[in-house]
């Protein structure tokens, strides 16, 4: 089966245009095999190709190159995050990290990793960005059950205390 460990799937022609490949196959006198799934609208890749073909100004090769560059940038960010995580120290369940002046996108990913280590969650988007901004502003803020304290250069992270219930005798009510 293609893609299994005993039969790796190699896709060396993905960088070629369909028209270029058709010319090469025709010149070689080879009858191409047509995969019916390439025309099946149930697959997102087919729907995306159809939409792209309607956009005459869109250069699919340039788009593929941009996607490759974005993937490389993401790898670079992950490399930086891994190095930042080496600077996180943990003592008695509290993690400490000094973000210094690292770019925000890297700080967000470090915070995401810290959340995962503490509570096994990967929150992203607005909630994570707001948490970062509050910590960067020198505040204390909680996200997904993790309390972050940004009042000092070295931020602190620990599990947030459980909220008291209304029936808790310490609350002064029955």
N, C-alpha and C. Protein backbone atom coordinates (compact mmCIF):
# COMPACT_ATOMS: atom_id res chain seq x y z
N UNK A 1 0.85 -1.18 0.00
CA UNK A 1 0.00 0.00 0.00
C UNK A 1 0.89 1.24 0.00
N UNK A 2 0.65 2.22 -0.90
CA UNK A 2 1.46 3.44 -0.92
C UNK A 2 1.40 4.19 0.40
N UNK A 3 2.55 4.67 0.83
CA UNK A 3 2.61 5.44 2.06
C UNK A 3 2.91 4.60 3.29
N UNK A 4 2.77 3.27 3.18
CA UNK A 4 3.09 2.44 4.34
C UNK A 4 4.60 2.34 4.47
N UNK A 5 5.07 1.85 5.61
CA UNK A 5 6.51 1.80 5.85
C UNK A 5 7.23 0.88 4.88
N UNK A 6 6.54 -0.15 4.34
CA UNK A 6 7.21 -1.05 3.40
C UNK A 6 7.10 -0.57 1.95
N UNK A 7 6.33 0.50 1.73
CA UNK A 7 6.18 1.07 0.38
C UNK A 7 6.05 2.58 0.52
N UNK A 8 7.19 3.28 0.67
CA UNK A 8 7.09 4.73 0.87
C UNK A 8 6.53 5.43 -0.37
N UNK A 9 5.77 6.46 -0.15
CA UNK A 9 5.17 7.23 -1.23
C UNK A 9 6.07 8.42 -1.54
N UNK A 10 6.60 8.45 -2.75
CA UNK A 10 7.45 9.54 -3.18
C UNK A 10 6.67 10.38 -4.19
N UNK A 11 6.74 11.70 -4.06
CA UNK A 11 6.00 12.58 -4.96
C UNK A 11 6.98 13.59 -5.56
N UNK A 12 7.92 13.12 -6.38
CA UNK A 12 8.97 14.02 -6.89
C UNK A 12 8.48 15.00 -7.95
N UNK A 13 7.30 14.83 -8.48
CA UNK A 13 6.84 15.68 -9.58
C UNK A 13 5.87 16.78 -9.15
N UNK A 14 5.72 16.98 -7.85
CA UNK A 14 4.76 17.98 -7.38
C UNK A 14 5.12 19.39 -7.82
N UNK A 15 6.37 19.66 -8.09
CA UNK A 15 6.79 20.99 -8.51
C UNK A 15 6.58 21.26 -9.99
N UNK A 16 6.06 20.29 -10.71
CA UNK A 16 5.88 20.44 -12.16
C UNK A 16 4.43 20.82 -12.45
N UNK A 17 4.24 21.58 -13.52
CA UNK A 17 2.90 21.90 -13.99
C UNK A 17 2.33 20.69 -14.72
N UNK A 18 1.02 20.53 -14.63
CA UNK A 18 0.34 19.41 -15.29
C UNK A 18 0.60 19.44 -16.80
N UNK A 19 0.57 20.63 -17.39
CA UNK A 19 0.79 20.76 -18.84
C UNK A 19 2.20 20.33 -19.23
N UNK A 20 3.18 20.64 -18.40
CA UNK A 20 4.57 20.23 -18.67
C UNK A 20 4.69 18.71 -18.63
N UNK A 21 4.08 18.11 -17.62
CA UNK A 21 4.14 16.65 -17.51
C UNK A 21 3.43 15.97 -18.67
N UNK A 22 2.29 16.54 -19.11
CA UNK A 22 1.55 15.96 -20.23
C UNK A 22 2.41 15.95 -21.49
N UNK A 23 3.17 17.02 -21.73
CA UNK A 23 4.04 17.09 -22.90
C UNK A 23 5.14 16.04 -22.83
N UNK A 24 5.75 15.88 -21.66
CA UNK A 24 6.82 14.90 -21.48
C UNK A 24 6.30 13.49 -21.71
N UNK A 25 5.14 13.18 -21.14
CA UNK A 25 4.54 11.85 -21.28
C UNK A 25 4.19 11.58 -22.74
N UNK A 26 3.62 12.59 -23.41
CA UNK A 26 3.24 12.43 -24.82
C UNK A 26 4.48 12.23 -25.69
N UNK A 27 5.54 12.99 -25.42
CA UNK A 27 6.77 12.87 -26.21
C UNK A 27 7.42 11.50 -26.02
N UNK A 28 7.23 10.92 -24.85
CA UNK A 28 7.80 9.59 -24.57
C UNK A 28 6.92 8.47 -25.10
N UNK A 29 5.73 8.83 -25.59
CA UNK A 29 4.82 7.81 -26.11
C UNK A 29 4.21 6.94 -25.02
N UNK A 30 4.10 7.49 -23.82
CA UNK A 30 3.56 6.75 -22.68
C UNK A 30 2.09 7.14 -22.49
N UNK A 31 1.26 6.16 -22.25
CA UNK A 31 -0.15 6.42 -21.97
C UNK A 31 -0.30 6.74 -20.48
N UNK A 32 -0.74 7.98 -20.14
CA UNK A 32 -0.84 8.32 -18.71
C UNK A 32 -2.00 7.60 -18.04
N UNK A 33 -1.85 7.40 -16.75
CA UNK A 33 -2.92 6.81 -15.94
C UNK A 33 -3.66 7.97 -15.28
N UNK A 34 -4.97 7.97 -15.42
CA UNK A 34 -5.77 9.04 -14.84
C UNK A 34 -6.42 8.54 -13.56
N UNK A 35 -6.20 9.27 -12.49
CA UNK A 35 -6.77 8.94 -11.19
C UNK A 35 -8.12 9.64 -11.07
N UNK A 36 -9.23 8.90 -10.98
CA UNK A 36 -10.54 9.55 -10.91
C UNK A 36 -10.72 10.43 -9.68
N UNK A 37 -9.94 10.19 -8.63
CA UNK A 37 -10.09 11.04 -7.44
C UNK A 37 -9.65 12.47 -7.71
N UNK A 38 -8.85 12.68 -8.77
CA UNK A 38 -8.41 14.04 -9.11
C UNK A 38 -9.54 14.90 -9.66
N UNK A 39 -10.70 14.30 -9.91
CA UNK A 39 -11.86 15.06 -10.38
C UNK A 39 -13.04 14.95 -9.40
N UNK A 40 -12.81 14.31 -8.26
CA UNK A 40 -13.88 14.08 -7.29
C UNK A 40 -14.02 15.28 -6.36
N UNK A 41 -15.15 15.97 -6.47
CA UNK A 41 -15.38 17.19 -5.69
C UNK A 41 -15.51 16.96 -4.19
N UNK A 42 -15.54 15.72 -3.76
CA UNK A 42 -15.57 15.47 -2.31
C UNK A 42 -14.23 15.80 -1.67
N UNK A 43 -13.18 15.89 -2.46
CA UNK A 43 -11.84 16.17 -1.94
C UNK A 43 -11.53 17.65 -2.03
N UNK A 44 -11.04 18.20 -0.94
CA UNK A 44 -10.74 19.62 -0.88
C UNK A 44 -9.70 20.02 -1.92
N UNK A 45 -8.71 19.17 -2.16
CA UNK A 45 -7.66 19.51 -3.12
C UNK A 45 -8.25 19.74 -4.50
N UNK A 46 -9.29 18.99 -4.86
CA UNK A 46 -9.94 19.15 -6.17
C UNK A 46 -10.68 20.48 -6.21
N UNK A 47 -11.40 20.79 -5.14
CA UNK A 47 -12.14 22.06 -5.10
C UNK A 47 -11.18 23.26 -5.12
N UNK A 48 -10.05 23.15 -4.43
CA UNK A 48 -9.07 24.24 -4.43
C UNK A 48 -8.49 24.41 -5.83
N UNK A 49 -8.14 23.31 -6.49
CA UNK A 49 -7.61 23.41 -7.86
C UNK A 49 -8.62 24.07 -8.79
N UNK A 50 -9.89 23.72 -8.65
CA UNK A 50 -10.92 24.32 -9.50
C UNK A 50 -10.99 25.83 -9.27
N UNK A 51 -10.96 26.25 -8.02
CA UNK A 51 -11.02 27.69 -7.72
C UNK A 51 -9.77 28.40 -8.25
N UNK A 52 -8.63 27.76 -8.09
CA UNK A 52 -7.38 28.37 -8.56
C UNK A 52 -7.39 28.53 -10.08
N UNK A 53 -7.97 27.57 -10.79
CA UNK A 53 -7.99 27.65 -12.25
C UNK A 53 -8.85 28.81 -12.73
N UNK A 54 -9.78 29.26 -11.93
CA UNK A 54 -10.65 30.40 -12.29
C UNK A 54 -9.96 31.75 -12.08
N UNK A 55 -8.88 31.74 -11.36
CA UNK A 55 -8.15 32.98 -11.07
C UNK A 55 -6.98 33.10 -12.05
N UNK A 56 -7.18 33.81 -13.11
CA UNK A 56 -6.18 33.86 -14.18
C UNK A 56 -4.88 34.53 -13.74
N UNK A 57 -4.95 35.44 -12.78
CA UNK A 57 -3.75 36.14 -12.34
C UNK A 57 -2.93 35.36 -11.32
N UNK A 58 -3.47 34.27 -10.84
CA UNK A 58 -2.79 33.50 -9.80
C UNK A 58 -1.77 32.56 -10.42
N UNK A 59 -0.54 32.67 -9.98
CA UNK A 59 0.53 31.79 -10.44
C UNK A 59 0.68 30.67 -9.42
N UNK A 60 0.23 29.49 -9.77
CA UNK A 60 0.23 28.38 -8.81
C UNK A 60 1.65 28.00 -8.38
N UNK A 61 2.63 28.16 -9.26
CA UNK A 61 4.01 27.84 -8.87
C UNK A 61 4.52 28.86 -7.85
N UNK A 62 4.17 30.12 -8.04
CA UNK A 62 4.57 31.15 -7.07
C UNK A 62 3.88 30.90 -5.74
N UNK A 63 2.61 30.46 -5.81
CA UNK A 63 1.88 30.14 -4.59
C UNK A 63 2.54 28.96 -3.85
N UNK A 64 2.94 27.95 -4.60
CA UNK A 64 3.62 26.79 -3.99
C UNK A 64 4.95 27.21 -3.37
N UNK A 65 5.67 28.09 -4.06
CA UNK A 65 6.94 28.58 -3.52
C UNK A 65 6.71 29.38 -2.24
N UNK A 66 5.67 30.21 -2.22
CA UNK A 66 5.34 30.96 -1.01
C UNK A 66 4.99 30.02 0.14
N UNK A 67 4.24 28.97 -0.17
CA UNK A 67 3.89 27.99 0.87
C UNK A 67 5.15 27.33 1.41
N UNK A 68 6.09 27.02 0.54
CA UNK A 68 7.35 26.41 0.99
C UNK A 68 8.12 27.38 1.89
N UNK A 69 8.15 28.66 1.51
CA UNK A 69 8.84 29.66 2.34
C UNK A 69 8.17 29.81 3.70
N UNK A 70 6.84 29.78 3.72
CA UNK A 70 6.12 29.86 5.00
C UNK A 70 6.43 28.65 5.88
N UNK A 71 6.52 27.48 5.26
CA UNK A 71 6.87 26.27 6.03
C UNK A 71 8.27 26.39 6.61
N UNK A 72 9.19 26.94 5.84
CA UNK A 72 10.56 27.13 6.34
C UNK A 72 10.58 28.15 7.47
N UNK A 73 9.78 29.21 7.35
CA UNK A 73 9.70 30.20 8.43
C UNK A 73 9.13 29.58 9.69
N UNK A 74 8.13 28.71 9.54
CA UNK A 74 7.55 28.03 10.69
C UNK A 74 8.58 27.12 11.36
N UNK A 75 9.39 26.45 10.56
CA UNK A 75 10.47 25.62 11.12
C UNK A 75 11.46 26.47 11.90
N UNK A 76 11.77 27.66 11.39
CA UNK A 76 12.70 28.55 12.08
C UNK A 76 12.11 29.02 13.41
N UNK A 77 10.83 29.32 13.42
CA UNK A 77 10.17 29.73 14.66
C UNK A 77 10.21 28.58 15.66
N UNK A 78 9.93 27.37 15.21
CA UNK A 78 9.97 26.22 16.11
C UNK A 78 11.37 26.00 16.66
N UNK A 79 12.39 26.23 15.85
CA UNK A 79 13.78 26.11 16.31
C UNK A 79 14.03 27.12 17.43
N UNK A 80 13.59 28.37 17.23
CA UNK A 80 13.77 29.41 18.24
C UNK A 80 13.00 29.07 19.51
N UNK A 81 11.79 28.55 19.37
CA UNK A 81 10.98 28.17 20.52
C UNK A 81 11.68 27.07 21.33
N UNK A 82 12.23 26.09 20.63
CA UNK A 82 12.95 25.02 21.33
C UNK A 82 14.10 25.58 22.16
N UNK A 83 14.81 26.56 21.63
CA UNK A 83 15.90 27.18 22.39
C UNK A 83 15.37 28.00 23.56
N UNK A 84 14.25 28.66 23.38
CA UNK A 84 13.64 29.40 24.49
C UNK A 84 13.19 28.45 25.59
N UNK A 85 12.66 27.31 25.21
CA UNK A 85 12.19 26.34 26.20
C UNK A 85 13.34 25.82 27.05
N UNK A 86 14.54 25.81 26.51
CA UNK A 86 15.72 25.39 27.30
C UNK A 86 15.98 26.36 28.44
N UNK A 87 15.50 27.60 28.30
CA UNK A 87 15.72 28.62 29.34
C UNK A 87 14.63 28.60 30.41
N UNK A 88 13.59 27.80 30.20
CA UNK A 88 12.53 27.70 31.22
C UNK A 88 13.03 26.80 32.34
N UNK A 89 12.90 27.28 33.55
CA UNK A 89 13.28 26.42 34.69
C UNK A 89 12.04 26.19 35.54
N UNK A 90 11.97 25.04 36.14
CA UNK A 90 10.82 24.68 36.96
C UNK A 90 11.29 24.24 38.33
N UNK A 91 10.66 24.81 39.35
CA UNK A 91 10.94 24.46 40.74
C UNK A 91 9.62 24.32 41.48
N UNK A 92 9.43 23.20 42.12
CA UNK A 92 8.22 22.96 42.92
C UNK A 92 6.93 23.24 42.15
N UNK A 93 6.89 22.84 40.89
CA UNK A 93 5.68 23.00 40.09
C UNK A 93 5.48 24.38 39.49
N UNK A 94 6.39 25.30 39.78
CA UNK A 94 6.29 26.65 39.22
C UNK A 94 7.36 26.77 38.13
N UNK A 95 6.95 27.24 36.96
CA UNK A 95 7.89 27.45 35.86
C UNK A 95 8.24 28.93 35.78
N UNK A 96 9.49 29.21 35.45
CA UNK A 96 10.00 30.56 35.37
C UNK A 96 10.61 30.77 33.98
N UNK A 97 10.29 31.91 33.37
CA UNK A 97 10.83 32.20 32.05
C UNK A 97 10.95 33.70 31.86
N UNK A 98 12.10 34.14 31.40
CA UNK A 98 12.33 35.54 31.11
C UNK A 98 12.24 35.73 29.59
N UNK A 99 11.15 36.34 29.12
CA UNK A 99 10.99 36.48 27.67
C UNK A 99 11.92 37.50 27.04
N UNK A 100 12.50 38.37 27.86
CA UNK A 100 13.39 39.39 27.30
C UNK A 100 12.69 40.17 26.21
N UNK A 101 13.35 40.34 25.09
CA UNK A 101 12.74 41.10 23.99
C UNK A 101 12.55 40.22 22.75
N UNK A 102 12.21 38.96 22.97
CA UNK A 102 12.00 38.06 21.83
C UNK A 102 10.75 38.48 21.06
N UNK A 103 10.71 38.16 19.78
CA UNK A 103 9.52 38.51 19.00
C UNK A 103 8.25 37.86 19.58
N UNK A 104 7.16 38.57 19.44
CA UNK A 104 5.87 38.15 20.02
C UNK A 104 5.46 36.76 19.52
N UNK A 105 5.66 36.47 18.24
CA UNK A 105 5.23 35.18 17.70
C UNK A 105 5.95 34.03 18.40
N UNK A 106 7.20 34.22 18.76
CA UNK A 106 7.94 33.17 19.47
C UNK A 106 7.45 33.08 20.91
N UNK A 107 7.22 34.23 21.55
CA UNK A 107 6.70 34.21 22.92
C UNK A 107 5.35 33.50 22.98
N UNK A 108 4.50 33.72 21.98
CA UNK A 108 3.19 33.05 21.96
C UNK A 108 3.36 31.53 21.90
N UNK A 109 4.28 31.08 21.11
CA UNK A 109 4.49 29.63 21.01
C UNK A 109 5.10 29.05 22.29
N UNK A 110 5.97 29.81 22.94
CA UNK A 110 6.52 29.36 24.23
C UNK A 110 5.38 29.25 25.24
N UNK A 111 4.52 30.25 25.29
CA UNK A 111 3.38 30.21 26.22
C UNK A 111 2.49 29.02 25.91
N UNK A 112 2.28 28.74 24.65
CA UNK A 112 1.46 27.58 24.27
C UNK A 112 2.09 26.30 24.80
N UNK A 113 3.41 26.18 24.68
CA UNK A 113 4.10 24.97 25.20
C UNK A 113 4.01 24.88 26.71
N UNK A 114 4.15 26.03 27.38
CA UNK A 114 4.04 26.02 28.84
C UNK A 114 2.64 25.57 29.27
N UNK A 115 1.62 26.05 28.57
CA UNK A 115 0.25 25.62 28.88
C UNK A 115 0.11 24.11 28.69
N UNK A 116 0.68 23.62 27.62
CA UNK A 116 0.58 22.18 27.36
C UNK A 116 1.27 21.38 28.47
N UNK A 117 2.43 21.85 28.89
CA UNK A 117 3.15 21.15 29.96
C UNK A 117 2.36 21.16 31.27
N UNK A 118 1.67 22.27 31.54
CA UNK A 118 0.94 22.39 32.81
C UNK A 118 -0.40 21.67 32.80
N UNK A 119 -1.17 21.84 31.71
CA UNK A 119 -2.54 21.31 31.72
C UNK A 119 -2.91 20.49 30.49
N UNK A 120 -1.94 20.25 29.60
CA UNK A 120 -2.21 19.42 28.43
C UNK A 120 -3.10 20.07 27.39
N UNK A 121 -3.08 21.40 27.28
CA UNK A 121 -3.92 22.10 26.31
C UNK A 121 -3.05 22.92 25.36
N UNK A 122 -3.56 23.12 24.15
CA UNK A 122 -2.90 23.96 23.15
C UNK A 122 -3.81 25.12 22.73
N UNK A 123 -4.15 26.04 23.63
CA UNK A 123 -4.99 27.15 23.18
C UNK A 123 -4.20 28.06 22.24
N UNK A 124 -4.89 28.59 21.26
CA UNK A 124 -4.28 29.50 20.31
C UNK A 124 -5.21 30.68 20.09
N UNK A 125 -4.79 31.54 19.22
CA UNK A 125 -5.66 32.63 18.81
C UNK A 125 -5.76 33.74 19.83
N UNK A 126 -6.93 34.33 19.87
CA UNK A 126 -7.13 35.54 20.66
C UNK A 126 -6.88 35.34 22.16
N UNK A 127 -7.31 34.23 22.71
CA UNK A 127 -7.14 34.03 24.16
C UNK A 127 -5.66 33.98 24.51
N UNK A 128 -4.88 33.25 23.73
CA UNK A 128 -3.44 33.15 23.98
C UNK A 128 -2.77 34.52 23.79
N UNK A 129 -3.17 35.24 22.75
CA UNK A 129 -2.59 36.56 22.49
C UNK A 129 -2.93 37.54 23.61
N UNK A 130 -4.16 37.50 24.08
CA UNK A 130 -4.55 38.40 25.19
C UNK A 130 -3.76 38.06 26.46
N UNK A 131 -3.57 36.76 26.73
CA UNK A 131 -2.81 36.33 27.90
C UNK A 131 -1.39 36.88 27.81
N UNK A 132 -0.77 36.69 26.65
CA UNK A 132 0.59 37.21 26.46
C UNK A 132 0.63 38.71 26.70
N UNK A 133 -0.31 39.43 26.10
CA UNK A 133 -0.29 40.89 26.21
C UNK A 133 -0.46 41.37 27.65
N UNK A 134 -1.27 40.67 28.41
CA UNK A 134 -1.43 41.04 29.82
C UNK A 134 -0.14 40.78 30.59
N UNK A 135 0.49 39.62 30.34
CA UNK A 135 1.75 39.32 31.01
C UNK A 135 2.83 40.33 30.60
N UNK A 136 2.89 40.63 29.31
CA UNK A 136 3.88 41.60 28.82
C UNK A 136 3.63 42.99 29.40
N UNK A 137 2.38 43.25 29.77
CA UNK A 137 2.03 44.53 30.40
C UNK A 137 2.26 44.53 31.91
N UNK A 138 2.87 43.47 32.43
CA UNK A 138 3.18 43.41 33.85
C UNK A 138 2.03 43.01 34.73
N UNK A 139 1.08 42.26 34.19
CA UNK A 139 -0.10 41.85 34.96
C UNK A 139 -0.03 40.37 35.33
N UNK A 140 -0.99 39.98 36.15
CA UNK A 140 -1.22 38.58 36.48
C UNK A 140 -2.47 38.17 35.71
N UNK A 141 -2.42 37.05 35.03
CA UNK A 141 -3.56 36.61 34.23
C UNK A 141 -3.60 35.08 34.20
N UNK A 142 -4.80 34.55 34.05
CA UNK A 142 -5.00 33.10 34.03
C UNK A 142 -5.58 32.68 32.69
N UNK A 143 -5.08 31.59 32.16
CA UNK A 143 -5.61 30.99 30.94
C UNK A 143 -5.59 29.49 31.08
N UNK A 144 -6.72 28.87 30.83
CA UNK A 144 -6.85 27.40 30.84
C UNK A 144 -6.38 26.78 32.15
N UNK A 145 -6.57 27.50 33.24
CA UNK A 145 -6.19 26.96 34.54
C UNK A 145 -4.74 27.19 34.91
N UNK A 146 -4.02 27.97 34.11
CA UNK A 146 -2.62 28.30 34.42
C UNK A 146 -2.55 29.79 34.72
N UNK A 147 -1.99 30.08 35.89
CA UNK A 147 -1.83 31.48 36.33
C UNK A 147 -0.44 31.95 35.93
N UNK A 148 -0.41 33.01 35.14
CA UNK A 148 0.86 33.62 34.75
C UNK A 148 1.04 34.93 35.48
N UNK A 149 2.25 35.21 35.89
CA UNK A 149 2.55 36.44 36.61
C UNK A 149 3.66 37.16 35.85
N UNK A 150 3.31 38.28 35.23
CA UNK A 150 4.27 39.04 34.44
C UNK A 150 4.78 40.29 35.13
N UNK A 151 4.67 40.34 36.46
CA UNK A 151 5.06 41.56 37.18
C UNK A 151 6.56 41.76 37.27
N UNK A 152 7.34 40.71 37.02
CA UNK A 152 8.81 40.82 37.06
C UNK A 152 9.35 40.42 35.69
N UNK A 153 10.65 40.66 35.48
CA UNK A 153 11.27 40.30 34.20
C UNK A 153 11.14 38.80 33.94
N UNK A 154 11.24 38.00 35.00
CA UNK A 154 11.09 36.55 34.87
C UNK A 154 9.64 36.20 35.19
N UNK A 155 8.89 35.82 34.17
CA UNK A 155 7.49 35.47 34.37
C UNK A 155 7.39 34.14 35.10
N UNK A 156 6.31 34.00 35.90
CA UNK A 156 6.07 32.77 36.68
C UNK A 156 4.78 32.13 36.19
N UNK A 157 4.78 30.79 36.18
CA UNK A 157 3.60 30.04 35.74
C UNK A 157 3.35 28.87 36.67
N UNK A 158 2.12 28.77 37.13
CA UNK A 158 1.71 27.65 37.97
C UNK A 158 0.22 27.40 37.79
N UNK A 159 -0.24 26.32 38.34
CA UNK A 159 -1.67 26.05 38.26
C UNK A 159 -2.42 27.07 39.08
N UNK A 160 -3.51 27.55 38.53
CA UNK A 160 -4.34 28.53 39.24
C UNK A 160 -5.07 27.83 40.36
N UNK A 161 -5.28 28.51 41.49
CA UNK A 161 -6.05 27.89 42.56
C UNK A 161 -7.48 27.63 42.10
N UNK A 162 -8.06 26.58 42.61
CA UNK A 162 -9.46 26.26 42.29
C UNK A 162 -10.35 27.32 42.91
N UNK A 163 -11.37 27.76 42.18
CA UNK A 163 -12.29 28.74 42.78
C UNK A 163 -13.08 28.11 43.92
N UNK A 164 -13.35 28.92 44.92
CA UNK A 164 -14.13 28.43 46.06
C UNK A 164 -15.59 28.36 45.68
N UNK A 165 -16.28 27.39 46.20
CA UNK A 165 -17.71 27.28 45.91
C UNK A 165 -18.50 28.16 46.87
N UNK A 166 -19.74 28.43 46.51
CA UNK A 166 -20.60 29.28 47.36
C UNK A 166 -20.91 28.61 48.68
N UNK A 167 -20.76 27.30 48.78
CA UNK A 167 -21.05 26.59 50.03
C UNK A 167 -19.80 26.42 50.87
N UNK A 168 -18.68 26.95 50.42
CA UNK A 168 -17.43 26.84 51.17
C UNK A 168 -17.57 27.63 52.46
N UNK A 169 -17.33 27.01 53.65
CA UNK A 169 -17.48 27.72 54.92
C UNK A 169 -16.54 28.92 55.04
N UNK A 170 -15.44 28.92 54.31
CA UNK A 170 -14.54 30.06 54.36
C UNK A 170 -15.11 31.28 53.67
N UNK A 171 -16.16 31.09 52.88
CA UNK A 171 -16.77 32.21 52.16
C UNK A 171 -17.73 32.99 53.05
N UNK A 172 -18.03 32.48 54.25
CA UNK A 172 -18.90 33.19 55.18
C UNK A 172 -20.38 32.95 54.92
N UNK A 173 -20.68 31.98 54.05
CA UNK A 173 -22.08 31.64 53.76
C UNK A 173 -22.25 30.15 53.89
N UNK A 174 -23.48 29.73 54.14
CA UNK A 174 -23.73 28.28 54.24
C UNK A 174 -23.62 27.60 52.89
